[in-house]
N, C-alpha and C. Protein backbone atom coordinates (compact mmCIF):
# COMPACT_ATOMS: atom_id res chain seq x y z
N MET A 1 22.41 -2.47 17.41
CA MET A 1 21.29 -3.30 16.99
C MET A 1 21.86 -4.70 16.49
N THR A 2 21.18 -5.82 16.75
CA THR A 2 21.60 -6.98 16.25
C THR A 2 20.78 -7.52 15.11
N ASP A 3 21.14 -8.62 14.48
CA ASP A 3 20.50 -9.12 13.38
C ASP A 3 19.10 -9.54 13.82
N GLN A 4 18.88 -9.98 14.99
CA GLN A 4 17.66 -10.38 15.60
C GLN A 4 16.62 -9.13 15.92
N THR A 5 17.03 -8.13 16.06
CA THR A 5 16.26 -6.95 16.31
C THR A 5 15.37 -6.51 15.02
N ALA A 6 14.13 -6.34 15.25
CA ALA A 6 13.24 -5.97 14.32
C ALA A 6 13.58 -4.53 13.68
N MET A 7 13.51 -4.53 12.31
CA MET A 7 13.76 -3.32 11.76
C MET A 7 12.50 -2.55 11.24
N PRO A 8 12.31 -1.28 11.39
CA PRO A 8 11.05 -0.77 10.85
C PRO A 8 11.12 -0.68 9.33
N LEU A 9 10.02 -0.72 8.64
CA LEU A 9 9.86 -0.64 7.34
C LEU A 9 10.51 0.63 6.91
N ALA A 10 11.54 0.72 6.02
CA ALA A 10 12.00 2.05 5.58
C ALA A 10 11.61 2.38 4.29
N TRP A 11 11.26 1.46 3.55
CA TRP A 11 10.93 1.77 1.88
C TRP A 11 10.24 0.50 1.39
N PHE A 12 9.20 0.77 0.48
CA PHE A 12 8.76 -0.33 -0.16
C PHE A 12 8.36 0.13 -1.69
N GLU A 13 8.13 -0.86 -2.60
CA GLU A 13 7.68 -0.59 -3.81
C GLU A 13 6.60 -1.73 -4.12
N ILE A 14 5.44 -1.08 -4.58
CA ILE A 14 4.46 -1.99 -4.97
C ILE A 14 4.26 -1.96 -6.48
N PRO A 15 4.50 -3.12 -7.16
CA PRO A 15 4.46 -3.28 -8.47
C PRO A 15 3.06 -3.04 -9.28
N ALA A 16 3.10 -2.35 -10.29
CA ALA A 16 1.87 -2.16 -11.04
C ALA A 16 2.15 -2.48 -12.62
N ALA A 17 0.91 -3.08 -13.13
CA ALA A 17 0.89 -3.46 -14.65
C ALA A 17 0.50 -2.12 -15.22
N ASP A 18 -0.31 -1.33 -14.72
CA ASP A 18 -0.80 -0.04 -15.17
C ASP A 18 -0.56 0.93 -14.07
N LEU A 19 0.62 1.69 -14.33
CA LEU A 19 1.04 2.70 -13.15
C LEU A 19 -0.09 3.85 -13.12
N GLU A 20 -0.65 4.20 -14.23
CA GLU A 20 -1.65 5.37 -14.13
C GLU A 20 -2.87 4.87 -13.18
N ARG A 21 -3.37 3.67 -13.66
CA ARG A 21 -4.57 3.04 -12.87
C ARG A 21 -4.17 2.96 -11.34
N ALA A 22 -2.92 2.32 -11.15
CA ALA A 22 -2.50 2.03 -9.75
C ALA A 22 -2.41 3.40 -9.04
N THR A 23 -1.85 4.42 -9.60
CA THR A 23 -1.68 5.74 -8.94
C THR A 23 -3.03 6.40 -8.58
N ALA A 24 -4.09 6.22 -9.43
CA ALA A 24 -5.41 6.72 -9.19
C ALA A 24 -6.00 6.00 -8.03
N PHE A 25 -5.78 4.66 -7.93
CA PHE A 25 -6.26 3.81 -7.00
C PHE A 25 -5.77 4.22 -5.49
N TYR A 26 -4.48 4.37 -5.40
CA TYR A 26 -3.86 4.69 -4.00
C TYR A 26 -4.28 6.14 -3.74
N LYS A 27 -4.19 7.00 -4.72
CA LYS A 27 -4.68 8.46 -4.41
C LYS A 27 -6.14 8.43 -3.76
N GLN A 28 -7.01 7.63 -4.25
CA GLN A 28 -8.35 7.60 -3.92
C GLN A 28 -8.45 6.85 -2.53
N VAL A 29 -7.80 5.74 -2.34
CA VAL A 29 -8.00 4.98 -1.18
C VAL A 29 -7.40 5.82 0.01
N PHE A 30 -6.15 6.25 -0.02
CA PHE A 30 -5.50 6.94 1.09
C PHE A 30 -5.71 8.38 1.11
N GLU A 31 -6.37 8.97 0.04
CA GLU A 31 -6.70 10.30 0.04
C GLU A 31 -5.42 11.19 0.28
N THR A 32 -4.44 10.78 -0.58
CA THR A 32 -3.21 11.34 -0.58
C THR A 32 -2.58 11.78 -1.97
N PRO A 33 -1.79 12.90 -2.08
CA PRO A 33 -1.35 13.08 -3.24
C PRO A 33 -0.22 12.09 -3.77
N MET A 34 0.00 12.04 -4.97
CA MET A 34 0.99 11.00 -5.48
C MET A 34 2.04 11.87 -6.41
N MET A 35 3.42 11.66 -6.10
CA MET A 35 4.37 12.32 -6.88
C MET A 35 4.99 11.44 -7.90
N PRO A 36 4.83 11.88 -9.18
CA PRO A 36 5.46 10.97 -10.18
C PRO A 36 6.88 11.37 -10.27
N MET A 37 7.76 10.34 -10.65
CA MET A 37 9.10 10.48 -10.69
C MET A 37 9.78 9.56 -11.61
N ASP A 38 10.74 9.94 -12.45
CA ASP A 38 11.44 8.87 -13.11
C ASP A 38 12.67 8.49 -12.19
N SER A 39 12.95 7.14 -12.23
CA SER A 39 14.11 6.60 -11.33
C SER A 39 15.43 6.70 -12.34
N PRO A 40 16.52 6.50 -11.77
CA PRO A 40 17.70 6.53 -12.57
C PRO A 40 17.75 5.63 -13.64
N GLY A 41 17.04 4.39 -13.34
CA GLY A 41 17.19 3.30 -14.36
C GLY A 41 16.07 3.46 -15.45
N GLY A 42 15.39 4.60 -15.42
CA GLY A 42 14.37 4.85 -16.52
C GLY A 42 13.04 4.39 -16.16
N ASN A 43 12.77 3.78 -14.82
CA ASN A 43 11.47 3.35 -14.48
C ASN A 43 10.74 4.48 -13.89
N VAL A 44 9.33 4.65 -14.30
CA VAL A 44 8.54 5.59 -13.78
C VAL A 44 8.03 5.19 -12.54
N MET A 45 7.86 6.09 -11.43
CA MET A 45 7.35 5.73 -10.13
C MET A 45 6.41 6.72 -9.78
N ALA A 46 5.57 6.41 -8.76
CA ALA A 46 4.66 7.43 -8.16
C ALA A 46 4.80 7.30 -6.68
N PHE A 47 5.29 8.23 -6.08
CA PHE A 47 5.65 8.20 -4.62
C PHE A 47 4.22 8.51 -3.80
N LEU A 48 4.10 7.63 -2.70
CA LEU A 48 3.04 7.93 -1.91
C LEU A 48 3.48 9.14 -1.00
N ASP A 49 2.74 10.12 -0.99
CA ASP A 49 3.19 11.55 -0.21
C ASP A 49 2.84 11.40 1.22
N GLY A 50 3.80 11.75 2.05
CA GLY A 50 3.65 11.94 3.44
C GLY A 50 4.61 12.87 3.99
N GLU A 51 4.92 12.71 5.20
CA GLU A 51 5.89 13.60 5.87
C GLU A 51 7.32 13.50 4.86
N ARG A 52 7.51 12.50 4.33
CA ARG A 52 8.70 12.17 3.44
C ARG A 52 8.12 10.94 2.61
N PRO A 53 8.79 10.89 1.50
CA PRO A 53 8.29 9.63 0.53
C PRO A 53 8.83 8.38 1.48
N PHE A 54 7.87 7.42 1.48
CA PHE A 54 8.43 6.21 2.19
C PHE A 54 8.19 4.97 1.33
N GLY A 55 7.61 5.15 0.16
CA GLY A 55 7.35 4.01 -0.71
C GLY A 55 6.80 4.54 -2.02
N CYS A 56 6.51 3.65 -3.01
CA CYS A 56 6.16 4.12 -4.22
C CYS A 56 5.36 2.96 -4.90
N ILE A 57 4.58 3.35 -5.93
CA ILE A 57 3.98 2.52 -6.89
C ILE A 57 5.01 2.53 -8.06
N THR A 58 5.36 1.25 -8.72
CA THR A 58 6.39 1.26 -9.65
C THR A 58 5.95 0.26 -10.86
N GLY A 59 6.36 0.74 -12.02
CA GLY A 59 6.01 0.11 -13.21
C GLY A 59 6.97 -1.25 -13.45
N ALA A 60 7.94 -1.27 -12.53
CA ALA A 60 8.95 -2.49 -12.56
C ALA A 60 8.44 -3.56 -11.74
N GLY A 61 8.65 -4.72 -12.13
CA GLY A 61 8.16 -5.89 -11.30
C GLY A 61 6.69 -6.32 -11.70
N ARG A 62 6.33 -7.40 -11.23
CA ARG A 62 4.93 -7.91 -11.47
C ARG A 62 4.18 -8.09 -10.29
N PRO A 63 2.75 -7.48 -10.26
CA PRO A 63 1.92 -7.66 -9.27
C PRO A 63 1.70 -9.01 -8.95
N ASP A 64 1.48 -9.33 -7.55
CA ASP A 64 1.33 -10.57 -7.16
C ASP A 64 0.59 -10.60 -5.74
N SER A 65 -0.62 -11.39 -5.69
CA SER A 65 -1.22 -11.44 -4.36
C SER A 65 -0.50 -12.18 -3.30
N ASN A 66 0.42 -13.05 -3.63
CA ASN A 66 1.31 -13.66 -2.73
C ASN A 66 2.75 -13.03 -2.37
N GLY A 67 2.90 -11.89 -2.87
CA GLY A 67 4.27 -11.24 -2.80
C GLY A 67 4.28 -10.56 -1.45
N PHE A 68 5.23 -9.64 -1.47
CA PHE A 68 5.55 -8.71 -0.29
C PHE A 68 4.05 -8.03 0.08
N LYS A 69 3.83 -7.90 1.38
CA LYS A 69 2.64 -7.37 1.86
C LYS A 69 3.02 -6.27 2.86
N PRO A 70 2.90 -4.96 2.61
CA PRO A 70 3.13 -3.88 3.47
C PRO A 70 1.83 -3.75 4.27
N TYR A 71 2.04 -3.16 5.55
CA TYR A 71 0.88 -2.98 6.32
C TYR A 71 1.02 -1.45 6.50
N PHE A 72 0.09 -0.76 6.14
CA PHE A 72 0.03 0.70 6.35
C PHE A 72 -0.86 0.94 7.58
N GLY A 73 -0.28 1.94 8.42
CA GLY A 73 -0.86 2.35 9.59
C GLY A 73 -2.23 3.12 9.16
N CYS A 74 -3.25 3.09 9.96
CA CYS A 74 -4.61 3.63 9.34
C CYS A 74 -5.29 3.99 10.79
N ALA A 75 -5.84 5.19 10.78
CA ALA A 75 -6.59 5.58 12.01
C ALA A 75 -7.94 5.11 11.88
N ASP A 76 -8.71 4.64 10.73
CA ASP A 76 -9.96 4.23 10.71
C ASP A 76 -10.21 3.39 9.55
N ILE A 77 -9.86 1.97 9.88
CA ILE A 77 -9.94 0.97 8.86
C ILE A 77 -11.21 0.84 8.19
N GLU A 78 -12.16 1.07 8.80
CA GLU A 78 -13.61 0.90 8.18
C GLU A 78 -13.72 1.99 7.09
N ARG A 79 -13.25 3.29 7.36
CA ARG A 79 -13.38 4.39 6.45
C ARG A 79 -12.55 4.08 5.30
N THR A 80 -11.30 3.64 5.46
CA THR A 80 -10.39 3.27 4.36
C THR A 80 -10.85 2.20 3.52
N LEU A 81 -11.44 1.10 4.20
CA LEU A 81 -11.91 -0.03 3.42
C LEU A 81 -13.14 0.38 2.52
N GLY A 82 -13.86 1.34 3.01
CA GLY A 82 -15.05 1.91 2.20
C GLY A 82 -14.77 2.50 1.02
N ARG A 83 -13.34 2.96 0.85
CA ARG A 83 -12.95 3.51 -0.45
C ARG A 83 -12.31 2.63 -1.40
N VAL A 84 -12.04 1.40 -0.93
CA VAL A 84 -11.38 0.54 -1.77
C VAL A 84 -11.99 0.07 -2.94
N GLU A 85 -13.39 -0.55 -2.73
CA GLU A 85 -13.97 -0.99 -3.87
C GLU A 85 -14.52 0.16 -4.93
N ARG A 86 -14.84 1.35 -4.37
CA ARG A 86 -15.04 2.47 -5.34
C ARG A 86 -13.85 2.90 -6.15
N ALA A 87 -12.62 2.58 -5.62
CA ALA A 87 -11.29 2.75 -6.34
C ALA A 87 -10.89 1.74 -7.27
N GLY A 88 -11.74 0.58 -7.27
CA GLY A 88 -11.28 -0.51 -8.25
C GLY A 88 -10.69 -1.70 -7.53
N GLY A 89 -10.70 -1.76 -6.11
CA GLY A 89 -10.14 -2.98 -5.42
C GLY A 89 -11.05 -3.74 -4.83
N GLN A 90 -10.72 -4.75 -3.84
CA GLN A 90 -11.69 -5.60 -3.28
C GLN A 90 -11.00 -5.90 -1.78
N VAL A 91 -12.05 -5.99 -0.96
CA VAL A 91 -11.59 -6.19 0.55
C VAL A 91 -11.44 -7.66 0.57
N VAL A 92 -10.31 -8.05 1.08
CA VAL A 92 -9.99 -9.62 1.16
C VAL A 92 -10.22 -10.17 2.65
N VAL A 93 -9.84 -9.28 3.47
CA VAL A 93 -10.08 -9.53 4.98
C VAL A 93 -10.53 -8.39 5.64
N PRO A 94 -11.81 -8.33 5.97
CA PRO A 94 -12.45 -7.25 6.63
C PRO A 94 -11.63 -6.94 8.10
N ARG A 95 -12.07 -5.65 8.55
CA ARG A 95 -11.58 -5.32 9.80
C ARG A 95 -11.57 -6.61 10.76
N THR A 96 -10.48 -6.90 11.39
CA THR A 96 -10.38 -8.18 12.33
C THR A 96 -9.50 -7.69 13.47
N SER A 97 -9.95 -8.12 14.73
CA SER A 97 -9.27 -7.80 15.83
C SER A 97 -8.13 -8.83 16.06
N ILE A 98 -6.97 -8.10 16.61
CA ILE A 98 -5.70 -8.93 16.81
C ILE A 98 -5.35 -8.77 18.32
N GLY A 99 -6.47 -8.60 19.09
CA GLY A 99 -6.51 -8.44 20.50
C GLY A 99 -5.78 -7.20 20.91
N ALA A 100 -4.79 -7.20 21.92
CA ALA A 100 -4.32 -6.07 22.38
C ALA A 100 -3.35 -5.33 21.31
N PHE A 101 -3.16 -5.98 20.22
CA PHE A 101 -2.27 -5.34 19.09
C PHE A 101 -3.11 -4.29 18.16
N GLY A 102 -4.54 -4.34 18.52
CA GLY A 102 -5.35 -3.56 17.51
C GLY A 102 -6.17 -4.35 16.59
N HIS A 103 -6.18 -3.79 15.33
CA HIS A 103 -6.91 -4.40 14.17
C HIS A 103 -6.29 -4.35 12.90
N ILE A 104 -6.50 -5.50 12.11
CA ILE A 104 -5.93 -5.38 10.85
C ILE A 104 -7.07 -5.65 9.71
N ALA A 105 -6.70 -5.41 8.54
CA ALA A 105 -7.57 -5.70 7.30
C ALA A 105 -6.68 -5.80 6.01
N GLN A 106 -7.10 -6.46 5.08
CA GLN A 106 -6.41 -6.63 3.74
C GLN A 106 -7.43 -6.28 2.60
N PHE A 107 -6.70 -5.74 1.64
CA PHE A 107 -7.47 -5.57 0.35
C PHE A 107 -6.53 -5.85 -0.85
N SER A 108 -7.15 -6.23 -1.93
CA SER A 108 -6.45 -6.33 -3.28
C SER A 108 -6.54 -4.87 -4.03
N ASP A 109 -5.60 -4.50 -4.52
CA ASP A 109 -5.52 -3.17 -5.20
C ASP A 109 -5.89 -3.39 -6.66
N SER A 110 -5.88 -2.36 -7.51
CA SER A 110 -6.21 -2.37 -8.84
C SER A 110 -5.33 -3.32 -9.73
N GLU A 111 -4.30 -3.60 -9.12
CA GLU A 111 -3.20 -4.46 -9.84
C GLU A 111 -3.20 -5.98 -9.41
N GLY A 112 -3.96 -6.21 -8.34
CA GLY A 112 -3.90 -7.63 -7.75
C GLY A 112 -3.03 -7.86 -6.73
N ASN A 113 -2.37 -6.88 -6.19
CA ASN A 113 -1.55 -6.86 -5.13
C ASN A 113 -2.33 -6.81 -3.96
N VAL A 114 -1.99 -7.79 -2.70
CA VAL A 114 -2.58 -7.69 -1.54
C VAL A 114 -1.82 -6.74 -0.54
N ILE A 115 -2.67 -5.72 0.03
CA ILE A 115 -2.09 -4.75 0.78
C ILE A 115 -2.81 -4.83 2.21
N ALA A 116 -2.13 -4.63 3.27
CA ALA A 116 -2.78 -4.67 4.61
C ALA A 116 -2.90 -3.45 5.25
N LEU A 117 -3.81 -3.27 6.11
CA LEU A 117 -3.92 -2.08 7.12
C LEU A 117 -3.88 -2.49 8.45
N HIS A 118 -3.25 -1.51 9.47
CA HIS A 118 -3.26 -1.83 10.79
C HIS A 118 -3.60 -0.60 11.57
N SER A 119 -4.43 -0.73 12.55
CA SER A 119 -4.82 0.44 13.49
C SER A 119 -4.63 -0.16 14.97
N ALA A 120 -4.28 0.69 15.77
CA ALA A 120 -4.04 0.42 17.24
C ALA A 120 -5.25 0.25 17.99
């Protein structure tokens, strides 16, 4: 593999000012369990549960709408976006076609981070 080869996302951390509120938000939006854990540095995290932990909500760092923007794979963007506002977030970009590459959407979470969705 060369430096020019695209690397798949291996891990991410989404910062939260209020970890409990952010954990509840993601649990509701993605309908997934969250696994709380203390990190070696004493930071409390909540892992998004999947086949394996692939990312977490963390109390470290500062939420930012212009920061890192992960794209979560999503089978039904409209259904997922429908849960965003009920969970305390806001739709920023509605479901939008990106041609042969599928659809995307973006929302702000309970902490002010902008998160994106992608479907084929």
